Amino acid sequence: MTPHPEPYEHPSAWRGPEMARSPDWIVRLDADDVAELERALAAARGAGLGIPGLRRDDVGVPRIAEKMARVRTMLEDGIGFALVRGLPRERYSKADAAMLYWIVGAQLGDAFAQNAHGEMLGHVRDLGADWRTNAKARGYQTRARLPFHNDSTDAVGLLCLQQSRTGGESRIVSSSAIHNEFLRRRPDLWTAMHDTFCVDRRGEESPGQRPWYETPCFTRFEGRLFVRYNRTYIETAQRFDGVPRLTPRQVEALDLMDALCADPAFHMDMAFEPGDMQFVCNYTVLHSRSEYEDWPEPERKRHLLRLWLRTPGFPRLPPEYADRNADMLAWQAHPRAPVFDLSEIAGELAH
């Protein structure tokens, strides 16, 4: 049942230009924070702990825990995103940087598998894929512009290991603000966004599952607004028999969603420096990325590491999300340690 039309009055309903002028969303690590992380890394290595087995309580990082408690509040009850800056990326191998990132992320919540491989720490890197022609390819395996979307867990994190030659800026938008603008401009289309949409599983369905899942784009649950949006996969799901065709009203609603996200009055750009860690709440913020040009040398190519996190502030999710959550619970049963060899990373395209 569509809820009674009302705006979502919440700190996550912000506009990009205003947010860019007041970067209180940057949380800085100082030398003492970094030293604490390095001690935790040494202790974890000494104890034979690694990814994905390392848990929050396995290492003591009280300074980092305090700062990440602030970040968690920002994600769950505030503006919905934060940038953690100050990790000296040049000091560490990729494997050690990943461990430091894992320790930081663990202060927010438990990591969740990101695909059917049970991948707990994802690589965002151009592997030469094309999601438009390969039904199993993902946008993060390309250098193409990524349309606005969100992921399937409470929060997503990115660690910048290496910048591209040009382009590749992060762009985020408040889906709470977009929801409110929808309601203001077109309440008729606002109701369409509460319809059930079929979304492509991109070849990662479990035995017995359909190759798509169902979800609304807008839903209210226990006083919170939840937004889930990935138009690309809504449209590619149309190739399946049994998926209802999108109605003209739904297409018009999706067009308005895209237009509002693309409006500079709503979104905000964010350039990553090596060592930056961005964390975003998937329910109140959508993210995108510009197309980029990479370096020719393999070791210099743009490379981010990705975490999917479940945070304590979302103990219950809308019942409409159960279909998609079943995927991640199945993937979580076989967690996989990260790889850092370029040939093994490229092998992801074979799945």
Foldseek 3Di string as FASTA:
>chain_A
DDDDDDAQPAQQQDFAVVCVVPVPQEAEDDPVQLVQLVVQLVQCVVVVHAPPRDAQVPGDRVVLLVSVVVQLCCCQGHNFKHKYDDHPLVVDDPRSLVRSVNNSVNSFFHFFQQALQQERKAKQFALPDDVVVQLQDDPSNHLAWFAWFFGQAQKKKKAWNFDFPDFWWKKKFWVSNVLNVCCVPPVPLSVVQQDKFWFACSPRDDPPDDRTAIAGQWDDDPSDIFGGDDVVRSVVVVVDPPGDDDDPSNVVSVVSSRVVSPDSRTMHIDGDDHGMMMMGGRGTMIMITHRGHGDPDPVNGTIMMMTGGHGPSPPDDDPSSPRVVVSRVSSNVDHDGDDDPPVVSSCVVVD
